[in-house]
Amino acid sequence: MILHAHQGTTSSALTRLSVNAARRLGIPRDGYAHLLGVAPEHLNDDLCRTPAATSIRIAELTTVHASWTELALVLAEQSAIGALGVWDYLITSAPTPLEGIRDASAYFATVADTATDNLRIVEDGELVTISHVNEADLTYEAACAIRAYALGLYQRRLSEAAQRRLVPLRVTLAAEAPRRHEPLTGLYGTRAIEFEAPVSSITFLASDLSAPTPHAQPGLSTVLRRHAEQTLAGAIPLHNWLDLFRTALASVHDEATTATLPAVARRMAVSTRTLQRRLDEHGTTWSNEVEAVRRAHITRLLHDTDLGIDAIAARSGYADARALRRAVQRWYGTTPARLRRDGRSL
């Protein structure tokens, strides 16, 4: 399951790895702390989907001070099993490593932005080649780091599934040859690395990946696939600040009859003054946004329930039915009763 809303975003877990790598490599936090999704309440919330641009920008800042090979190695070193949530266990809990990496490919959207990055598997007789497809330029160091890291991650998870280090027969990287190869030979355990390749890939013997996973449990893969689907279905994409605000406003409105500015500001971990300033920067106001939520809420109640006008007014924060009727007239130029009939006739 890949929802359109997920495109352009990655898991908060992947962003956490980027932030931790930047910190470890000495990148000043003030260069990226303002980016959407880096605030602690989003970074540490596994339901949040961070804009892919956030991780990319952090990688850009990091590769100004460190080589892309160093960044790839640090990311891999931090990626202990479980760091990427259910996606990790799809690989390590399948009946065979090969079945696990197939599941990881099918549910790649749980961690990555599938609009730009994909995991592909080619089985060719005695060989299995796993590719990380990203069409960014070979000279773009941030993308080079992500490709190199991804291949190292796949190798690590497959080795954890097999419970022994799997050494690839060949590695190809869509990147210019670096000055120092040592970080990559240490990452992959081989010197058989080809640079400036069309696609980044890592190739194993099929027999290494088709052997039974030592501690696989029957039925567990089915449970994990279902969990991956639920993870995607429940995710909250943070495409921009206004989307984030509207998500917070809607959640507060669902919990109370009337959403207040202080309540939403607390939910977003900002002051009321900052919240009002950001709304102004986005060309809207608190009253306009609250009215939009009320309008959607009232329209839904009129179309989907048999509640009376008085009850709907009470649930929507209006003083009485007359105030509700005036609001509906202003929004739609009609009465609540007519709006209800028209909605049910569609």
Protein backbone atom coordinates (compact mmCIF):
# COMPACT_ATOMS: atom_id res chain seq x y z
CA MET A 1 0.00 0.00 0.00
CA ILE A 2 1.50 3.33 -1.10
CA LEU A 3 -0.75 6.31 -0.43
CA HIS A 4 -0.28 9.37 -2.63
CA ALA A 5 0.08 11.48 0.53
CA HIS A 6 3.22 9.50 1.49
CA GLN A 7 5.14 10.59 -1.58
CA GLY A 8 7.59 13.36 -0.84
CA THR A 9 8.05 12.09 2.73
CA THR A 10 10.15 9.54 4.63
CA SER A 11 9.73 7.88 8.00
CA SER A 12 10.72 9.87 11.07
CA ALA A 13 13.05 6.95 11.90
CA LEU A 14 15.10 7.66 8.77
CA THR A 15 15.24 11.35 9.68
CA ARG A 16 16.43 10.45 13.20
CA LEU A 17 19.34 8.56 11.65
CA SER A 18 20.23 11.60 9.53
CA VAL A 19 20.12 13.92 12.54
CA ASN A 20 22.19 11.57 14.67
CA ALA A 21 24.78 11.15 11.89
CA ALA A 22 25.03 14.93 11.47
CA ARG A 23 25.50 15.34 15.23
CA ARG A 24 28.15 12.64 15.33
CA LEU A 25 30.04 14.27 12.45
CA GLY A 26 30.00 17.64 14.17
CA ILE A 27 27.45 19.49 12.02
CA PRO A 28 26.05 22.53 13.90
CA ARG A 29 22.41 21.92 14.79
CA ASP A 30 21.38 25.47 13.97
CA GLY A 31 21.86 24.63 10.30
CA TYR A 32 18.95 22.17 10.28
CA ALA A 33 16.99 22.56 13.54
CA HIS A 34 14.41 24.78 11.81
CA LEU A 35 13.55 22.17 9.16
CA LEU A 36 10.07 20.62 9.23
CA GLY A 37 10.08 17.31 11.10
CA VAL A 38 13.21 17.93 13.18
CA ALA A 39 11.37 19.25 16.25
CA PRO A 40 11.49 16.56 19.00
CA GLU A 41 7.71 16.05 19.05
CA HIS A 42 7.83 15.03 15.36
CA LEU A 43 11.26 13.44 15.19
CA ASN A 44 10.38 11.05 18.02
CA ASP A 45 6.87 10.28 16.79
CA ASP A 46 6.88 7.18 14.58
CA LEU A 47 3.51 8.18 13.11
CA CYS A 48 5.04 11.29 11.52
CA ARG A 49 6.30 11.25 7.95
CA THR A 50 9.02 13.86 7.52
CA PRO A 51 9.44 15.77 4.23
CA ALA A 52 12.12 14.01 2.18
CA ALA A 53 13.64 17.44 1.62
CA THR A 54 14.52 17.57 5.32
CA SER A 55 16.75 14.47 5.23
CA ILE A 56 18.24 15.56 1.93
CA ARG A 57 19.12 18.98 3.32
CA ILE A 58 20.74 17.42 6.39
CA ALA A 59 22.78 15.14 4.11
CA GLU A 60 23.83 18.18 2.05
CA LEU A 61 25.01 20.02 5.14
CA THR A 62 26.85 16.94 6.37
CA THR A 63 28.72 16.29 3.12
CA VAL A 64 30.05 19.84 3.17
CA HIS A 65 32.12 18.89 6.23
CA ALA A 66 32.57 15.13 5.74
CA SER A 67 32.97 12.90 2.70
CA TRP A 68 29.94 11.06 1.39
CA THR A 69 31.68 7.77 2.18
CA GLU A 70 32.06 8.80 5.84
CA LEU A 71 28.38 9.74 6.03
CA ALA A 72 27.35 6.40 4.50
CA LEU A 73 29.46 4.51 7.03
CA VAL A 74 28.15 6.48 10.04
CA LEU A 75 24.54 5.96 8.93
CA ALA A 76 25.17 2.22 8.59
CA GLU A 77 26.88 2.02 11.99
CA GLN A 78 23.85 3.60 13.64
CA SER A 79 21.34 1.33 11.93
CA ALA A 80 21.01 -1.37 14.55
CA ILE A 81 18.12 -3.75 13.94
CA GLY A 82 14.88 -2.05 14.89
CA ALA A 83 16.15 1.44 14.04
CA LEU A 84 13.83 1.48 11.02
CA GLY A 85 10.88 -0.15 12.71
CA VAL A 86 8.82 -2.92 11.16
CA TRP A 87 10.73 -2.69 7.86
CA ASP A 88 13.82 -4.18 9.52
CA TYR A 89 11.92 -7.20 10.81
CA LEU A 90 10.31 -7.90 7.46
CA ILE A 91 13.79 -8.95 6.34
CA THR A 92 15.07 -10.73 9.42
CA SER A 93 11.89 -12.68 10.29
CA ALA A 94 10.98 -14.12 6.88
CA PRO A 95 11.44 -17.85 6.13
CA THR A 96 14.51 -16.99 4.00
CA PRO A 97 16.58 -13.81 3.56
CA LEU A 98 15.42 -13.66 -0.07
CA GLU A 99 11.75 -13.68 0.94
CA GLY A 100 12.57 -11.03 3.51
CA ILE A 101 14.17 -8.65 1.04
CA ARG A 102 11.19 -9.16 -1.29
CA ASP A 103 8.87 -8.05 1.52
CA ALA A 104 11.20 -5.12 2.23
CA SER A 105 10.90 -4.08 -1.41
CA ALA A 106 7.10 -4.36 -1.36
CA TYR A 107 6.88 -2.18 1.76
CA PHE A 108 9.76 0.17 1.02
CA ALA A 109 7.38 3.12 1.45
CA THR A 110 7.35 2.52 5.22
CA VAL A 111 10.84 4.06 5.36
CA ALA A 112 11.61 5.88 2.11
CA ASP A 113 10.14 8.27 -0.44
CA THR A 114 9.22 5.96 -3.30
CA ALA A 115 8.80 8.97 -5.59
CA THR A 116 12.61 9.18 -5.74
CA ASP A 117 14.08 5.97 -4.27
CA ASN A 118 13.28 2.31 -4.87
CA LEU A 119 14.58 -1.11 -3.93
CA ARG A 120 14.59 -3.62 -6.79
CA ILE A 121 15.54 -7.30 -6.90
CA VAL A 122 16.71 -9.28 -9.94
CA GLU A 123 17.09 -13.05 -9.65
CA ASP A 124 19.30 -14.49 -12.38
CA GLY A 125 20.09 -18.16 -11.92
CA GLU A 126 22.74 -18.47 -9.22
CA LEU A 127 22.85 -14.73 -8.54
CA VAL A 128 20.57 -12.23 -6.84
CA THR A 129 21.18 -8.51 -7.41
CA ILE A 130 19.57 -5.94 -5.13
CA SER A 131 19.53 -2.39 -6.50
CA HIS A 132 18.85 0.96 -4.88
CA VAL A 133 17.45 3.12 -7.64
CA ASN A 134 17.86 6.88 -7.34
CA GLU A 135 18.24 9.01 -10.45
CA ALA A 136 20.12 11.93 -8.90
CA ASP A 137 23.39 12.95 -10.56
CA LEU A 138 26.56 10.97 -9.83
CA THR A 139 28.26 14.13 -8.61
CA TYR A 140 25.56 14.91 -6.01
CA GLU A 141 27.32 13.80 -2.84
CA ALA A 142 24.21 13.69 -0.64
CA ALA A 143 22.61 11.16 -3.01
CA CYS A 144 25.87 9.19 -3.26
CA ALA A 145 25.92 8.83 0.53
CA ILE A 146 22.31 7.63 0.61
CA ARG A 147 22.90 5.04 -2.15
CA ALA A 148 26.05 3.70 -0.51
CA TYR A 149 24.33 3.56 2.88
CA ALA A 150 21.30 1.78 1.44
CA LEU A 151 23.41 -1.03 -0.02
CA GLY A 152 25.24 -1.44 3.28
CA LEU A 153 21.91 -1.52 5.11
CA TYR A 154 20.54 -4.28 2.85
CA GLN A 155 23.69 -6.32 3.38
CA ARG A 156 23.51 -5.87 7.14
CA ARG A 157 19.86 -6.91 7.41
CA LEU A 158 20.35 -9.93 5.16
CA SER A 159 23.36 -10.99 7.25
CA GLU A 160 21.30 -10.60 10.41
CA ALA A 161 18.61 -12.79 8.87
CA ALA A 162 21.15 -15.45 7.90
CA GLN A 163 22.99 -15.00 11.22
CA ARG A 164 26.33 -14.84 9.44
CA ARG A 165 28.14 -12.15 7.48
CA LEU A 166 27.14 -12.38 3.84
CA VAL A 167 29.90 -11.06 1.58
CA PRO A 168 28.71 -9.76 -1.79
CA LEU A 169 30.27 -10.93 -5.03
CA ARG A 170 30.08 -7.45 -6.48
CA VAL A 171 29.02 -3.92 -5.55
CA THR A 172 28.25 -1.16 -8.05
CA LEU A 173 27.77 2.47 -7.08
CA ALA A 174 26.25 5.33 -9.04
CA ALA A 175 28.91 7.67 -7.70
CA GLU A 176 32.27 9.03 -8.72
CA ALA A 177 35.23 7.12 -7.27
CA PRO A 178 36.15 8.68 -3.89
CA ARG A 179 39.68 9.55 -2.85
CA ARG A 180 39.59 6.94 -0.09
CA HIS A 181 37.91 3.57 -0.54
CA GLU A 182 38.54 2.23 2.96
CA PRO A 183 35.17 3.22 4.47
CA LEU A 184 33.36 1.38 1.67
CA THR A 185 35.53 -1.74 1.68
CA GLY A 186 34.93 -1.90 5.43
CA LEU A 187 31.21 -1.39 4.95
CA TYR A 188 30.75 -4.11 2.34
CA GLY A 189 33.61 -6.45 3.26
CA THR A 190 34.93 -6.53 -0.31
CA ARG A 191 37.12 -4.54 -2.68
CA ALA A 192 34.98 -5.58 -5.64
CA ILE A 193 33.34 -2.17 -5.97
CA GLU A 194 32.62 -0.59 -9.35
CA PHE A 195 32.10 3.18 -9.42
CA GLU A 196 30.27 5.41 -11.92
CA ALA A 197 27.77 2.59 -12.54
CA PRO A 198 24.31 3.34 -13.98
CA VAL A 199 22.63 1.89 -10.85
CA SER A 200 23.81 1.19 -7.31
CA SER A 201 23.57 -2.54 -6.59
CA ILE A 202 24.87 -5.38 -4.47
CA THR A 203 25.05 -8.98 -5.76
CA PHE A 204 24.95 -12.19 -3.71
CA LEU A 205 24.91 -15.90 -4.41
CA ALA A 206 21.31 -17.06 -4.60
CA SER A 207 22.22 -19.98 -2.33
CA ASP A 208 23.21 -17.52 0.43
CA LEU A 209 19.80 -15.85 0.32
CA SER A 210 17.61 -18.90 -0.17
CA ALA A 211 18.84 -20.86 2.86
CA PRO A 212 16.25 -21.00 5.69
CA THR A 213 16.44 -18.19 8.24
CA PRO A 214 17.60 -19.92 11.46
CA HIS A 215 14.96 -18.49 13.79
CA ALA A 216 12.05 -17.81 11.45
CA GLN A 217 8.62 -18.38 13.00
CA PRO A 218 5.72 -19.63 10.87
CA GLY A 219 3.13 -16.93 10.22
CA LEU A 220 5.23 -14.07 11.55
CA SER A 221 5.83 -12.55 8.11
CA THR A 222 2.08 -12.27 7.57
CA VAL A 223 1.70 -10.40 10.86
CA LEU A 224 4.57 -8.06 9.99
CA ARG A 225 3.19 -7.31 6.52
CA ARG A 226 -0.14 -6.41 8.09
CA HIS A 227 1.66 -4.18 10.58
CA ALA A 228 3.53 -2.47 7.74
CA GLU A 229 0.22 -1.73 6.03
CA GLN A 230 -1.19 -0.30 9.25
CA THR A 231 1.94 1.82 9.69
CA LEU A 232 1.38 3.41 6.30
CA ALA A 233 -2.36 3.83 6.83
CA GLY A 234 -1.85 5.61 10.16
CA ALA A 235 1.05 7.81 9.10
CA ILE A 236 0.82 11.61 9.26
CA PRO A 237 2.70 13.25 6.36
CA LEU A 238 4.26 16.60 7.29
CA HIS A 239 4.40 18.18 3.87
CA ASN A 240 4.58 21.77 5.09
CA TRP A 241 3.96 23.84 8.20
CA LEU A 242 0.35 24.67 7.29
CA ASP A 243 -0.45 20.96 6.86
CA LEU A 244 1.11 20.34 10.26
CA PHE A 245 -0.96 23.11 11.85
CA ARG A 246 -4.19 21.84 10.29
CA THR A 247 -3.48 18.32 11.54
CA ALA A 248 -3.01 19.67 15.08
CA LEU A 249 -6.13 21.85 14.84
CA ALA A 250 -8.26 18.95 13.60
CA SER A 251 -7.03 16.65 16.37
CA VAL A 252 -7.75 19.23 19.09
CA HIS A 253 -11.17 19.93 17.55
CA ASP A 254 -11.96 16.20 17.63
CA GLU A 255 -11.16 16.11 21.35
CA ALA A 256 -13.20 19.17 22.37
CA THR A 257 -16.26 21.09 21.28
CA THR A 258 -14.19 24.20 20.60
CA ALA A 259 -10.50 24.23 19.66
CA THR A 260 -8.60 27.06 21.34
CA LEU A 261 -5.47 28.84 20.17
CA PRO A 262 -3.51 27.95 23.36
CA ALA A 263 -4.49 24.27 23.04
CA VAL A 264 -3.24 24.05 19.46
CA ALA A 265 -0.10 26.03 20.32
CA ARG A 266 0.64 23.52 23.11
CA ARG A 267 0.07 20.62 20.69
CA MET A 268 2.64 22.18 18.34
CA ALA A 269 5.03 23.13 21.17
CA VAL A 270 5.10 26.84 20.25
CA SER A 271 3.83 30.03 21.87
CA THR A 272 0.47 31.49 20.83
CA ARG A 273 2.29 34.55 19.47
CA THR A 274 4.55 32.37 17.30
CA LEU A 275 1.55 30.39 16.08
CA GLN A 276 -0.30 33.55 15.05
CA ARG A 277 2.80 34.92 13.32
CA ARG A 278 3.27 31.70 11.33
CA LEU A 279 -0.39 31.75 10.25
CA ASP A 280 0.08 35.31 9.05
CA GLU A 281 3.20 34.25 7.12
CA HIS A 282 1.09 31.59 5.37
CA GLY A 283 -1.60 34.09 4.41
CA THR A 284 -4.31 32.87 6.78
CA THR A 285 -5.69 33.57 10.24
CA TRP A 286 -6.77 31.59 13.30
CA SER A 287 -10.44 32.50 12.77
CA ASN A 288 -10.35 31.46 9.11
CA GLU A 289 -8.77 28.10 9.94
CA VAL A 290 -11.21 27.40 12.80
CA GLU A 291 -14.14 28.26 10.56
CA ALA A 292 -12.83 25.88 7.86
CA VAL A 293 -12.67 23.04 10.39
CA ARG A 294 -16.16 23.87 11.68
CA ARG A 295 -17.51 24.01 8.14
CA ALA A 296 -16.09 20.59 7.28
CA HIS A 297 -17.32 19.16 10.60
CA ILE A 298 -20.86 20.53 10.24
CA THR A 299 -21.11 19.45 6.62
CA ARG A 300 -20.06 15.94 7.59
CA LEU A 301 -22.63 15.78 10.40
CA LEU A 302 -25.41 17.01 8.11
CA HIS A 303 -24.54 14.50 5.39
CA ASP A 304 -23.67 11.48 7.51
CA THR A 305 -25.91 11.65 10.60
CA ASP A 306 -29.54 12.26 11.56
CA LEU A 307 -28.67 14.67 14.36
CA GLY A 308 -30.97 17.67 14.69
CA ILE A 309 -29.78 21.20 14.03
CA ASP A 310 -29.70 22.04 17.75
CA ALA A 311 -27.51 19.02 18.48
CA ILE A 312 -25.14 19.83 15.61
CA ALA A 313 -24.87 23.44 16.80
CA ALA A 314 -23.97 22.24 20.30
CA ARG A 315 -21.36 19.82 18.96
CA SER A 316 -19.82 22.53 16.78
CA GLY A 317 -19.39 25.29 19.32
CA TYR A 318 -22.30 27.51 18.21
CA ALA A 319 -24.54 29.20 20.79
CA ASP A 320 -27.74 27.95 19.17
CA ALA A 321 -29.35 26.72 15.95
CA ARG A 322 -29.83 30.27 14.66
CA ALA A 323 -26.08 30.93 14.73
CA LEU A 324 -25.49 27.66 12.89
CA ARG A 325 -28.07 28.55 10.22
CA ARG A 326 -26.42 31.94 9.68
CA ALA A 327 -23.03 30.26 9.25
CA VAL A 328 -24.37 27.71 6.73
CA GLN A 329 -26.10 30.51 4.81
CA ARG A 330 -22.81 32.44 4.69
CA TRP A 331 -20.79 29.44 3.52
CA TYR A 332 -23.17 27.83 1.04
CA GLY A 333 -25.99 30.33 0.44
CA THR A 334 -28.58 27.82 1.61
CA THR A 335 -30.14 26.31 4.75
CA PRO A 336 -28.85 23.35 6.78
CA ALA A 337 -31.95 21.33 5.80
CA ARG A 338 -31.36 21.96 2.10
CA LEU A 339 -27.64 21.21 2.44
CA ARG A 340 -28.53 17.90 4.12
CA ARG A 341 -30.98 16.94 1.33
CA ASP A 342 -28.53 17.93 -1.41
CA GLY A 343 -25.71 15.98 0.20
CA ARG A 344 -27.74 12.81 0.50
CA SER A 345 -28.98 13.02 -3.09
CA LEU A 346 -25.44 12.89 -4.50
